[in-house]
Amino acid sequence: MPEMPKKTESIQVRVTPETKEKAREVFERNGLTISAAVTMFIHQALLVDGLPFRTDESDSGQERKLRSN
């Protein structure tokens, strides 16, 4: 007997159109849809029991960009 599909829930998030488009481009470059990226974020947060990234200012994305140049 085939396994029944797991039930899913929908999450709605509000962002500006510009933010959505930039995020879509970033995720697409990594082979992901926005939905897949959000799902990965949630699963990773559950795995580490917290945010799956550092939130202190010293590790901000902007500073990483500056260091890599």
PDB file of N, CA and C in Angstrom:
ATOM      1  N   MET A   1       0.841  -1.182   0.000  1.00  0.00           N
ATOM      2  CA  MET A   1       0.000   0.000   0.000  1.00  0.00           C
ATOM      3  C   MET A   1       0.883   1.242   0.000  1.00  0.00           C
ATOM      4  N   PRO A   2       0.632   2.200  -0.917  1.00  0.00           N
ATOM      5  CA  PRO A   2       1.455   3.410  -0.989  1.00  0.00           C
ATOM      6  C   PRO A   2       1.301   4.264   0.271  1.00  0.00           C
ATOM      7  N   GLU A   3       2.396   4.942   0.619  1.00  0.00           N
ATOM      8  CA  GLU A   3       2.383   5.814   1.790  1.00  0.00           C
ATOM      9  C   GLU A   3       1.554   7.071   1.491  1.00  0.00           C
ATOM     10  N   MET A   4       0.742   7.471   2.455  1.00  0.00           N
ATOM     11  CA  MET A   4      -0.094   8.669   2.290  1.00  0.00           C
ATOM     12  C   MET A   4       0.780   9.916   2.385  1.00  0.00           C
ATOM     13  N   PRO A   5       0.510  10.907   1.533  1.00  0.00           N
ATOM     14  CA  PRO A   5       1.299  12.149   1.619  1.00  0.00           C
ATOM     15  C   PRO A   5       1.083  12.823   2.969  1.00  0.00           C
ATOM     16  N   LYS A   6       2.136  13.464   3.464  1.00  0.00           N
ATOM     17  CA  LYS A   6       2.030  14.183   4.720  1.00  0.00           C
ATOM     18  C   LYS A   6       1.227  15.459   4.507  1.00  0.00           C
ATOM     19  N   LYS A   7       0.434  15.799   5.501  1.00  0.00           N
ATOM     20  CA  LYS A   7      -0.347  17.016   5.455  1.00  0.00           C
ATOM     21  C   LYS A   7       0.589  18.218   5.602  1.00  0.00           C
ATOM     22  N   THR A   8       0.298  19.298   4.903  1.00  0.00           N
ATOM     23  CA  THR A   8       1.115  20.501   5.017  1.00  0.00           C
ATOM     24  C   THR A   8       0.239  21.688   5.403  1.00  0.00           C
ATOM     25  N   GLU A   9       0.889  22.712   5.896  1.00  0.00           N
ATOM     26  CA  GLU A   9       0.236  23.966   6.248  1.00  0.00           C
ATOM     27  C   GLU A   9       0.831  25.063   5.384  1.00  0.00           C
ATOM     28  N   SER A  10       0.094  26.130   5.224  1.00  0.00           N
ATOM     29  CA  SER A  10       0.546  27.276   4.454  1.00  0.00           C
ATOM     30  C   SER A  10       0.965  28.398   5.397  1.00  0.00           C
ATOM     31  N   ILE A  11       2.043  29.096   5.049  1.00  0.00           N
ATOM     32  CA  ILE A  11       2.513  30.256   5.800  1.00  0.00           C
ATOM     33  C   ILE A  11       2.512  31.444   4.851  1.00  0.00           C
ATOM     34  N   GLN A  12       2.008  32.555   5.323  1.00  0.00           N
ATOM     35  CA  GLN A  12       1.977  33.772   4.508  1.00  0.00           C
ATOM     36  C   GLN A  12       2.935  34.792   5.107  1.00  0.00           C
ATOM     37  N   VAL A  13       3.802  35.363   4.276  1.00  0.00           N
ATOM     38  CA  VAL A  13       4.796  36.329   4.732  1.00  0.00           C
ATOM     39  C   VAL A  13       4.678  37.580   3.870  1.00  0.00           C
ATOM     40  N   ARG A  14       4.741  38.740   4.518  1.00  0.00           N
ATOM     41  CA  ARG A  14       4.665  40.005   3.774  1.00  0.00           C
ATOM     42  C   ARG A  14       6.049  40.635   3.679  1.00  0.00           C
ATOM     43  N   VAL A  15       6.480  40.904   2.452  1.00  0.00           N
ATOM     44  CA  VAL A  15       7.722  41.625   2.174  1.00  0.00           C
ATOM     45  C   VAL A  15       7.454  42.554   0.999  1.00  0.00           C
ATOM     46  N   THR A  16       8.331  43.504   0.791  1.00  0.00           N
ATOM     47  CA  THR A  16       8.165  44.399  -0.355  1.00  0.00           C
ATOM     48  C   THR A  16       8.398  43.611  -1.644  1.00  0.00           C
ATOM     49  N   PRO A  17       7.832  44.078  -2.730  1.00  0.00           N
ATOM     50  CA  PRO A  17       8.078  43.388  -4.008  1.00  0.00           C
ATOM     51  C   PRO A  17       9.567  43.312  -4.345  1.00  0.00           C
ATOM     52  N   GLU A  18      10.318  44.344  -4.016  1.00  0.00           N
ATOM     53  CA  GLU A  18      11.763  44.359  -4.301  1.00  0.00           C
ATOM     54  C   GLU A  18      12.485  43.284  -3.494  1.00  0.00           C
ATOM     55  N   THR A  19      12.115  43.157  -2.216  1.00  0.00           N
ATOM     56  CA  THR A  19      12.732  42.137  -1.371  1.00  0.00           C
ATOM     57  C   THR A  19      12.408  40.747  -1.893  1.00  0.00           C
ATOM     58  N   LYS A  20      11.170  40.542  -2.278  1.00  0.00           N
ATOM     59  CA  LYS A  20      10.770  39.233  -2.800  1.00  0.00           C
ATOM     60  C   LYS A  20      11.563  38.884  -4.057  1.00  0.00           C
ATOM     61  N   GLU A  21      11.716  39.842  -4.949  1.00  0.00           N
ATOM     62  CA  GLU A  21      12.423  39.580  -6.203  1.00  0.00           C
ATOM     63  C   GLU A  21      13.901  39.294  -5.945  1.00  0.00           C
ATOM     64  N   LYS A  22      14.526  40.088  -5.070  1.00  0.00           N
ATOM     65  CA  LYS A  22      15.941  39.853  -4.756  1.00  0.00           C
ATOM     66  C   LYS A  22      16.130  38.489  -4.102  1.00  0.00           C
ATOM     67  N   ALA A  23      15.233  38.130  -3.188  1.00  0.00           N
ATOM     68  CA  ALA A  23      15.317  36.825  -2.536  1.00  0.00           C
ATOM     69  C   ALA A  23      15.125  35.711  -3.558  1.00  0.00           C
ATOM     70  N   ARG A  24      14.159  35.878  -4.450  1.00  0.00           N
ATOM     71  CA  ARG A  24      13.916  34.869  -5.478  1.00  0.00           C
ATOM     72  C   ARG A  24      15.177  34.650  -6.310  1.00  0.00           C
ATOM     73  N   GLU A  25      15.854  35.746  -6.668  1.00  0.00           N
ATOM     74  CA  GLU A  25      17.075  35.639  -7.471  1.00  0.00           C
ATOM     75  C   GLU A  25      18.176  34.893  -6.712  1.00  0.00           C
ATOM     76  N   VAL A  26      18.358  35.238  -5.436  1.00  0.00           N
ATOM     77  CA  VAL A  26      19.373  34.569  -4.614  1.00  0.00           C
ATOM     78  C   VAL A  26      19.076  33.081  -4.516  1.00  0.00           C
ATOM     79  N   PHE A  27      17.835  32.748  -4.188  1.00  0.00           N
ATOM     80  CA  PHE A  27      17.475  31.343  -4.025  1.00  0.00           C
ATOM     81  C   PHE A  27      17.558  30.598  -5.352  1.00  0.00           C
ATOM     82  N   GLU A  28      17.142  31.241  -6.423  1.00  0.00           N
ATOM     83  CA  GLU A  28      17.188  30.598  -7.741  1.00  0.00           C
ATOM     84  C   GLU A  28      18.628  30.261  -8.127  1.00  0.00           C
ATOM     85  N   ARG A  29      19.566  31.150  -7.811  1.00  0.00           N
ATOM     86  CA  ARG A  29      20.987  30.872  -8.093  1.00  0.00           C
ATOM     87  C   ARG A  29      21.471  29.646  -7.341  1.00  0.00           C
ATOM     88  N   ASN A  30      20.784  29.335  -6.262  1.00  0.00           N
ATOM     89  CA  ASN A  30      21.148  28.171  -5.453  1.00  0.00           C
ATOM     90  C   ASN A  30      20.222  26.990  -5.702  1.00  0.00           C
ATOM     91  N   GLY A  31      19.432  27.073  -6.768  1.00  0.00           N
ATOM     92  CA  GLY A  31      18.574  25.954  -7.148  1.00  0.00           C
ATOM     93  C   GLY A  31      17.344  25.782  -6.286  1.00  0.00           C
ATOM     94  N   LEU A  32      16.909  26.866  -5.626  1.00  0.00           N
ATOM     95  CA  LEU A  32      15.772  26.781  -4.715  1.00  0.00           C
ATOM     96  C   LEU A  32      14.642  27.729  -5.111  1.00  0.00           C
ATOM     97  N   THR A  33      13.446  27.357  -4.731  1.00  0.00           N
ATOM     98  CA  THR A  33      12.314  28.280  -4.793  1.00  0.00           C
ATOM     99  C   THR A  33      12.247  29.000  -3.445  1.00  0.00           C
ATOM    100  N   ILE A  34      11.474  30.073  -3.376  1.00  0.00           N
ATOM    101  CA  ILE A  34      11.288  30.753  -2.099  1.00  0.00           C
ATOM    102  C   ILE A  34      10.680  29.783  -1.094  1.00  0.00           C
ATOM    103  N   SER A  35       9.707  29.019  -1.523  1.00  0.00           N
ATOM    104  CA  SER A  35       9.059  28.060  -0.632  1.00  0.00           C
ATOM    105  C   SER A  35      10.054  27.046  -0.085  1.00  0.00           C
ATOM    106  N   ALA A  36      10.906  26.512  -0.943  1.00  0.00           N
ATOM    107  CA  ALA A  36      11.902  25.529  -0.498  1.00  0.00           C
ATOM    108  C   ALA A  36      12.896  26.161   0.468  1.00  0.00           C
ATOM    109  N   ALA A  37      13.301  27.407   0.202  1.00  0.00           N
ATOM    110  CA  ALA A  37      14.252  28.089   1.078  1.00  0.00           C
ATOM    111  C   ALA A  37      13.643  28.350   2.457  1.00  0.00           C
ATOM    112  N   VAL A  38      12.393  28.766   2.490  1.00  0.00           N
ATOM    113  CA  VAL A  38      11.727  29.012   3.775  1.00  0.00           C
ATOM    114  C   VAL A  38      11.569  27.691   4.534  1.00  0.00           C
ATOM    115  N   THR A  39      11.211  26.643   3.833  1.00  0.00           N
ATOM    116  CA  THR A  39      11.086  25.330   4.470  1.00  0.00           C
ATOM    117  C   THR A  39      12.426  24.893   5.049  1.00  0.00           C
ATOM    118  N   MET A  40      13.514  25.095   4.312  1.00  0.00           N
ATOM    119  CA  MET A  40      14.843  24.746   4.806  1.00  0.00           C
ATOM    120  C   MET A  40      15.186  25.560   6.051  1.00  0.00           C
ATOM    121  N   PHE A  41      14.861  26.861   6.023  1.00  0.00           N
ATOM    122  CA  PHE A  41      15.114  27.727   7.173  1.00  0.00           C
ATOM    123  C   PHE A  41      14.394  27.196   8.414  1.00  0.00           C
ATOM    124  N   ILE A  42      13.133  26.856   8.268  1.00  0.00           N
ATOM    125  CA  ILE A  42      12.344  26.366   9.397  1.00  0.00           C
ATOM    126  C   ILE A  42      12.914  25.054   9.933  1.00  0.00           C
ATOM    127  N   HIS A  43      13.238  24.122   9.040  1.00  0.00           N
ATOM    128  CA  HIS A  43      13.796  22.839   9.480  1.00  0.00           C
ATOM    129  C   HIS A  43      15.137  23.039  10.187  1.00  0.00           C
ATOM    130  N   GLN A  44      15.966  23.944   9.680  1.00  0.00           N
ATOM    131  CA  GLN A  44      17.264  24.195  10.310  1.00  0.00           C
ATOM    132  C   GLN A  44      17.077  24.843  11.680  1.00  0.00           C
ATOM    133  N   ALA A  45      16.111  25.765  11.800  1.00  0.00           N
ATOM    134  CA  ALA A  45      15.825  26.397  13.095  1.00  0.00           C
ATOM    135  C   ALA A  45      15.387  25.350  14.110  1.00  0.00           C
ATOM    136  N   LEU A  46      14.589  24.401  13.681  1.00  0.00           N
ATOM    137  CA  LEU A  46      14.158  23.326  14.576  1.00  0.00           C
ATOM    138  C   LEU A  46      15.337  22.440  14.966  1.00  0.00           C
ATOM    139  N   LEU A  47      16.221  22.177  14.020  1.00  0.00           N
ATOM    140  CA  LEU A  47      17.384  21.328  14.273  1.00  0.00           C
ATOM    141  C   LEU A  47      18.306  21.939  15.328  1.00  0.00           C
ATOM    142  N   VAL A  48      18.527  23.265  15.244  1.00  0.00           N
ATOM    143  CA  VAL A  48      19.444  23.926  16.186  1.00  0.00           C
ATOM    144  C   VAL A  48      18.704  24.546  17.368  1.00  0.00           C
ATOM    145  N   ASP A  49      17.382  24.428  17.359  1.00  0.00           N
ATOM    146  CA  ASP A  49      16.537  24.983  18.416  1.00  0.00           C
ATOM    147  C   ASP A  49      16.775  26.481  18.602  1.00  0.00           C
ATOM    148  N   GLY A  50      16.823  27.185  17.478  1.00  0.00           N
ATOM    149  CA  GLY A  50      17.049  28.629  17.495  1.00  0.00           C
ATOM    150  C   GLY A  50      17.210  29.127  16.074  1.00  0.00           C
ATOM    151  N   LEU A  51      17.685  30.359  15.951  1.00  0.00           N
ATOM    152  CA  LEU A  51      17.934  30.888  14.613  1.00  0.00           C
ATOM    153  C   LEU A  51      19.150  30.190  14.010  1.00  0.00           C
ATOM    154  N   PRO A  52      19.060  29.789  12.747  1.00  0.00           N
ATOM    155  CA  PRO A  52      20.158  29.024  12.143  1.00  0.00           C
ATOM    156  C   PRO A  52      21.279  29.898  11.577  1.00  0.00           C
ATOM    157  N   PHE A  53      21.479  31.057  12.170  1.00  0.00           N
ATOM    158  CA  PHE A  53      22.560  31.945  11.745  1.00  0.00           C
ATOM    159  C   PHE A  53      22.882  32.886  12.898  1.00  0.00           C
ATOM    160  N   ARG A  54      24.079  33.460  12.848  1.00  0.00           N
ATOM    161  CA  ARG A  54      24.473  34.413  13.876  1.00  0.00           C
ATOM    162  C   ARG A  54      23.727  35.715  13.650  1.00  0.00           C
ATOM    163  N   THR A  55      23.367  36.381  14.728  1.00  0.00           N
ATOM    164  CA  THR A  55      22.634  37.636  14.601  1.00  0.00           C
ATOM    165  C   THR A  55      23.403  38.831  15.132  1.00  0.00           C
ATOM    166  N   ASP A  56      24.622  38.612  15.631  1.00  0.00           N
ATOM    167  CA  ASP A  56      25.390  39.753  16.126  1.00  0.00           C
ATOM    168  C   ASP A  56      25.915  40.576  14.960  1.00  0.00           C
ATOM    169  N   GLU A  57      26.093  41.853  15.199  1.00  0.00           N
ATOM    170  CA  GLU A  57      26.474  42.789  14.144  1.00  0.00           C
ATOM    171  C   GLU A  57      27.808  42.443  13.500  1.00  0.00           C
ATOM    172  N   SER A  58      28.715  41.809  14.246  1.00  0.00           N
ATOM    173  CA  SER A  58      30.033  41.489  13.700  1.00  0.00           C
ATOM    174  C   SER A  58      29.978  40.459  12.580  1.00  0.00           C
ATOM    175  N   ASP A  59      28.870  39.763  12.437  1.00  0.00           N
ATOM    176  CA  ASP A  59      28.755  38.739  11.405  1.00  0.00           C
ATOM    177  C   ASP A  59      27.664  39.097  10.400  1.00  0.00           C
ATOM    178  N   SER A  60      27.402  40.379  10.238  1.00  0.00           N
ATOM    179  CA  SER A  60      26.345  40.783   9.305  1.00  0.00           C
ATOM    180  C   SER A  60      26.761  40.502   7.866  1.00  0.00           C
ATOM    181  N   GLY A  61      25.804  40.317   7.021  1.00  0.00           N
ATOM    182  CA  GLY A  61      26.071  40.061   5.611  1.00  0.00           C
ATOM    183  C   GLY A  61      26.868  41.182   4.966  1.00  0.00           C
ATOM    184  N   GLN A  62      26.576  42.415   5.354  1.00  0.00           N
ATOM    185  CA  GLN A  62      27.290  43.555   4.791  1.00  0.00           C
ATOM    186  C   GLN A  62      28.772  43.477   5.146  1.00  0.00           C
ATOM    187  N   GLU A  63      29.093  43.142   6.382  1.00  0.00           N
ATOM    188  CA  GLU A  63      30.496  43.044   6.777  1.00  0.00           C
ATOM    189  C   GLU A  63      31.193  41.888   6.076  1.00  0.00           C
ATOM    190  N   ARG A  64      30.478  40.768   5.878  1.00  0.00           N
ATOM    191  CA  ARG A  64      31.077  39.646   5.138  1.00  0.00           C
ATOM    192  C   ARG A  64      31.394  40.082   3.715  1.00  0.00           C
ATOM    193  N   LYS A  65      30.493  40.846   3.093  1.00  0.00           N
ATOM    194  CA  LYS A  65      30.743  41.332   1.728  1.00  0.00           C
ATOM    195  C   LYS A  65      31.983  42.220   1.699  1.00  0.00           C
ATOM    196  N   LEU A  66      32.118  43.102   2.688  1.00  0.00           N
ATOM    197  CA  LEU A  66      33.256  44.003   2.733  1.00  0.00           C
ATOM    198  C   LEU A  66      34.545  43.223   2.907  1.00  0.00           C
ATOM    199  N   ARG A  67      34.543  42.196   3.763  1.00  0.00           N
ATOM    200  CA  ARG A  67      35.746  41.387   3.992  1.00  0.00           C
ATOM    201  C   ARG A  67      36.151  40.619   2.749  1.00  0.00           C
ATOM    202  N   SER A  68      35.195  40.240   1.924  1.00  0.00           N
ATOM    203  CA  SER A  68      35.519  39.416   0.754  1.00  0.00           C
ATOM    204  C   SER A  68      36.036  40.237  -0.416  1.00  0.00           C
ATOM    205  N   ASN A  69      35.914  41.539  -0.346  1.00  0.00           N
ATOM    206  CA  ASN A  69      36.398  42.412  -1.449  1.00  0.00           C
ATOM    207  C   ASN A  69      37.843  42.768  -1.300  1.00  0.00           C
TER     208      ASN A  69
END
